Amino acid sequence: MNLKHLVNYVMKVYSPGWFSIKMHLSCKDGTRHLFKTMQQSHYLSKELRDIVDPVLHRNGYFGHPENLLLAMISDERQYIRELVRIAAHPESVTRKKSHAAYVQCPKA
């Protein structure tokens, strides 16, 4: 691996990820950081992706289901937060004859 490859990786993946993490320090953003790093690594050459991808797979702790749920709960989009509520209370989703899903709010 030469200096050009290293600079290419730093400019396309490492630096944008570092600044993103510094701007959003919360653990609820960890899954978003991992996803962004995975997206940015696709712009690397095949040779560099063969090095980066196994590292992302080994260190992808924020890709675990509990961290995905945390990211979904804190998402600014309402429909994503609604998916978490449906997953937590599947009995609140009933099917009618039209096969459309109707969501009932759980009783507090």
C-alpha atoms as a PDB file:
ATOM      1  CA  MET A   1       0.000   0.000   0.000  1.00  0.00           C
ATOM      2  CA  ASN A   2       1.501   3.313  -0.993  1.00  0.00           C
ATOM      3  CA  LEU A   3       1.016   6.899   0.135  1.00  0.00           C
ATOM      4  CA  LYS A   4      -1.617   7.617  -2.546  1.00  0.00           C
ATOM      5  CA  HIS A   5      -3.850   4.832  -1.213  1.00  0.00           C
ATOM      6  CA  LEU A   6      -3.481   6.080   2.336  1.00  0.00           C
ATOM      7  CA  VAL A   7      -4.329   9.664   1.361  1.00  0.00           C
ATOM      8  CA  ASN A   8      -7.272   8.405  -0.687  1.00  0.00           C
ATOM      9  CA  TYR A   9      -8.658   6.526   2.333  1.00  0.00           C
ATOM     10  CA  VAL A  10      -8.137   9.458   4.703  1.00  0.00           C
ATOM     11  CA  MET A  11      -9.836  11.926   2.347  1.00  0.00           C
ATOM     12  CA  LYS A  12     -12.796   9.742   1.346  1.00  0.00           C
ATOM     13  CA  VAL A  13     -13.576   7.772   4.522  1.00  0.00           C
ATOM     14  CA  TYR A  14     -11.627   8.672   7.638  1.00  0.00           C
ATOM     15  CA  SER A  15     -11.845  12.484   7.684  1.00  0.00           C
ATOM     16  CA  PRO A  16     -15.584  12.764   6.925  1.00  0.00           C
ATOM     17  CA  GLY A  17     -16.297  10.090   9.541  1.00  0.00           C
ATOM     18  CA  TRP A  18     -14.105  11.766  12.140  1.00  0.00           C
ATOM     19  CA  PHE A  19     -15.810  15.147  11.681  1.00  0.00           C
ATOM     20  CA  SER A  20     -19.241  13.531  11.780  1.00  0.00           C
ATOM     21  CA  ILE A  21     -18.424  11.785  15.053  1.00  0.00           C
ATOM     22  CA  LYS A  22     -17.052  15.019  16.551  1.00  0.00           C
ATOM     23  CA  MET A  23     -20.254  16.853  15.611  1.00  0.00           C
ATOM     24  CA  HIS A  24     -22.606  14.104  16.900  1.00  0.00           C
ATOM     25  CA  LEU A  25     -21.023  12.472  19.950  1.00  0.00           C
ATOM     26  CA  SER A  26     -24.040  10.585  21.295  1.00  0.00           C
ATOM     27  CA  CYS A  27     -24.184   6.786  21.204  1.00  0.00           C
ATOM     28  CA  LYS A  28     -27.582   7.071  19.510  1.00  0.00           C
ATOM     29  CA  ASP A  29     -25.709   8.302  16.437  1.00  0.00           C
ATOM     30  CA  GLY A  30     -23.244   5.386  16.358  1.00  0.00           C
ATOM     31  CA  THR A  31     -25.325   3.355  13.919  1.00  0.00           C
ATOM     32  CA  ARG A  32     -25.583   6.334  11.588  1.00  0.00           C
ATOM     33  CA  HIS A  33     -21.790   6.779  11.727  1.00  0.00           C
ATOM     34  CA  LEU A  34     -21.240   3.116  10.889  1.00  0.00           C
ATOM     35  CA  PHE A  35     -23.678   3.291   7.983  1.00  0.00           C
ATOM     36  CA  LYS A  36     -22.040   6.461   6.646  1.00  0.00           C
ATOM     37  CA  THR A  37     -18.593   4.854   6.875  1.00  0.00           C
ATOM     38  CA  MET A  38     -19.861   1.821   4.977  1.00  0.00           C
ATOM     39  CA  GLN A  39     -21.357   4.067   2.298  1.00  0.00           C
ATOM     40  CA  GLN A  40     -18.164   6.080   1.921  1.00  0.00           C
ATOM     41  CA  SER A  41     -15.969   2.990   1.731  1.00  0.00           C
ATOM     42  CA  HIS A  42     -17.799   1.891  -1.428  1.00  0.00           C
ATOM     43  CA  TYR A  43     -16.081   4.719  -3.306  1.00  0.00           C
ATOM     44  CA  LEU A  44     -12.683   3.204  -2.602  1.00  0.00           C
ATOM     45  CA  SER A  45     -10.872   0.955  -5.034  1.00  0.00           C
ATOM     46  CA  LYS A  46     -11.413  -2.805  -4.839  1.00  0.00           C
ATOM     47  CA  GLU A  47      -7.966  -3.253  -3.305  1.00  0.00           C
ATOM     48  CA  LEU A  48      -8.732  -0.843  -0.452  1.00  0.00           C
ATOM     49  CA  ARG A  49     -12.239  -2.214   0.098  1.00  0.00           C
ATOM     50  CA  ASP A  50     -10.737  -5.672   0.591  1.00  0.00           C
ATOM     51  CA  ILE A  51      -8.778  -4.211   3.502  1.00  0.00           C
ATOM     52  CA  VAL A  52     -11.484  -1.937   4.984  1.00  0.00           C
ATOM     53  CA  ASP A  53     -14.542  -4.219   4.783  1.00  0.00           C
ATOM     54  CA  PRO A  54     -13.257  -6.967   7.134  1.00  0.00           C
ATOM     55  CA  VAL A  55     -12.335  -4.297   9.692  1.00  0.00           C
ATOM     56  CA  LEU A  56     -15.836  -2.814   9.493  1.00  0.00           C
ATOM     57  CA  HIS A  57     -17.357  -6.274   9.937  1.00  0.00           C
ATOM     58  CA  ARG A  58     -15.203  -7.054  12.968  1.00  0.00           C
ATOM     59  CA  ASN A  59     -15.743  -3.693  14.641  1.00  0.00           C
ATOM     60  CA  GLY A  60     -19.355  -3.082  13.646  1.00  0.00           C
ATOM     61  CA  TYR A  61     -20.761  -3.034  17.173  1.00  0.00           C
ATOM     62  CA  PHE A  62     -23.230  -0.323  16.257  1.00  0.00           C
ATOM     63  CA  GLY A  63     -24.746  -2.679  13.715  1.00  0.00           C
ATOM     64  CA  HIS A  64     -26.135  -4.916  16.470  1.00  0.00           C
ATOM     65  CA  PRO A  65     -29.947  -4.994  16.804  1.00  0.00           C
ATOM     66  CA  GLU A  66     -30.068  -3.134  20.112  1.00  0.00           C
ATOM     67  CA  ASN A  67     -28.074  -0.258  18.640  1.00  0.00           C
ATOM     68  CA  LEU A  68     -30.258  -0.207  15.539  1.00  0.00           C
ATOM     69  CA  LEU A  69     -33.326   0.104  17.768  1.00  0.00           C
ATOM     70  CA  LEU A  70     -31.681   2.938  19.690  1.00  0.00           C
ATOM     71  CA  ALA A  71     -30.995   4.766  16.429  1.00  0.00           C
ATOM     72  CA  MET A  72     -34.569   4.162  15.255  1.00  0.00           C
ATOM     73  CA  ILE A  73     -36.058   5.466  18.520  1.00  0.00           C
ATOM     74  CA  SER A  74     -34.023   8.664  18.242  1.00  0.00           C
ATOM     75  CA  ASP A  75     -34.664   9.173  14.514  1.00  0.00           C
ATOM     76  CA  GLU A  76     -36.272  12.469  13.554  1.00  0.00           C
ATOM     77  CA  ARG A  77     -38.629  10.770  11.090  1.00  0.00           C
ATOM     78  CA  GLN A  78     -41.953   9.856  12.696  1.00  0.00           C
ATOM     79  CA  TYR A  79     -42.584   6.749  10.603  1.00  0.00           C
ATOM     80  CA  ILE A  80     -39.248   5.221  11.698  1.00  0.00           C
ATOM     81  CA  ARG A  81     -40.127   5.764  15.372  1.00  0.00           C
ATOM     82  CA  GLU A  82     -43.541   4.220  14.671  1.00  0.00           C
ATOM     83  CA  LEU A  83     -41.834   1.064  13.336  1.00  0.00           C
ATOM     84  CA  VAL A  84     -40.085   0.640  16.691  1.00  0.00           C
ATOM     85  CA  ARG A  85     -43.391   0.927  18.529  1.00  0.00           C
ATOM     86  CA  ILE A  86     -44.966  -1.672  16.231  1.00  0.00           C
ATOM     87  CA  ALA A  87     -41.989  -4.011  16.732  1.00  0.00           C
ATOM     88  CA  ALA A  88     -42.227  -3.605  20.512  1.00  0.00           C
ATOM     89  CA  HIS A  89     -46.003  -4.243  20.573  1.00  0.00           C
ATOM     90  CA  PRO A  90     -46.872  -6.538  17.642  1.00  0.00           C
ATOM     91  CA  GLU A  91     -50.244  -7.318  19.204  1.00  0.00           C
ATOM     92  CA  SER A  92     -51.280  -3.696  18.564  1.00  0.00           C
ATOM     93  CA  VAL A  93     -51.287  -4.371  14.803  1.00  0.00           C
ATOM     94  CA  THR A  94     -54.465  -6.047  13.621  1.00  0.00           C
ATOM     95  CA  ARG A  95     -55.358  -7.244  10.146  1.00  0.00           C
ATOM     96  CA  LYS A  96     -58.764  -6.521   8.628  1.00  0.00           C
ATOM     97  CA  LYS A  97     -60.340  -8.243   5.645  1.00  0.00           C
ATOM     98  CA  SER A  98     -58.673  -5.801   3.270  1.00  0.00           C
ATOM     99  CA  HIS A  99     -55.295  -7.071   4.565  1.00  0.00           C
ATOM    100  CA  ALA A 100     -54.289  -3.524   5.477  1.00  0.00           C
ATOM    101  CA  ALA A 101     -52.534  -3.074   8.811  1.00  0.00           C
ATOM    102  CA  TYR A 102     -54.366  -1.031  11.424  1.00  0.00           C
ATOM    103  CA  VAL A 103     -52.378   0.114  14.417  1.00  0.00           C
ATOM    104  CA  GLN A 104     -54.012   0.460  17.822  1.00  0.00           C
ATOM    105  CA  CYS A 105     -52.283   2.461  20.518  1.00  0.00           C
ATOM    106  CA  PRO A 106     -51.328   0.308  23.520  1.00  0.00           C
ATOM    107  CA  LYS A 107     -53.128   1.076  26.756  1.00  0.00           C
ATOM    108  CA  ALA A 108     -50.912   2.807  29.278  1.00  0.00           C
END
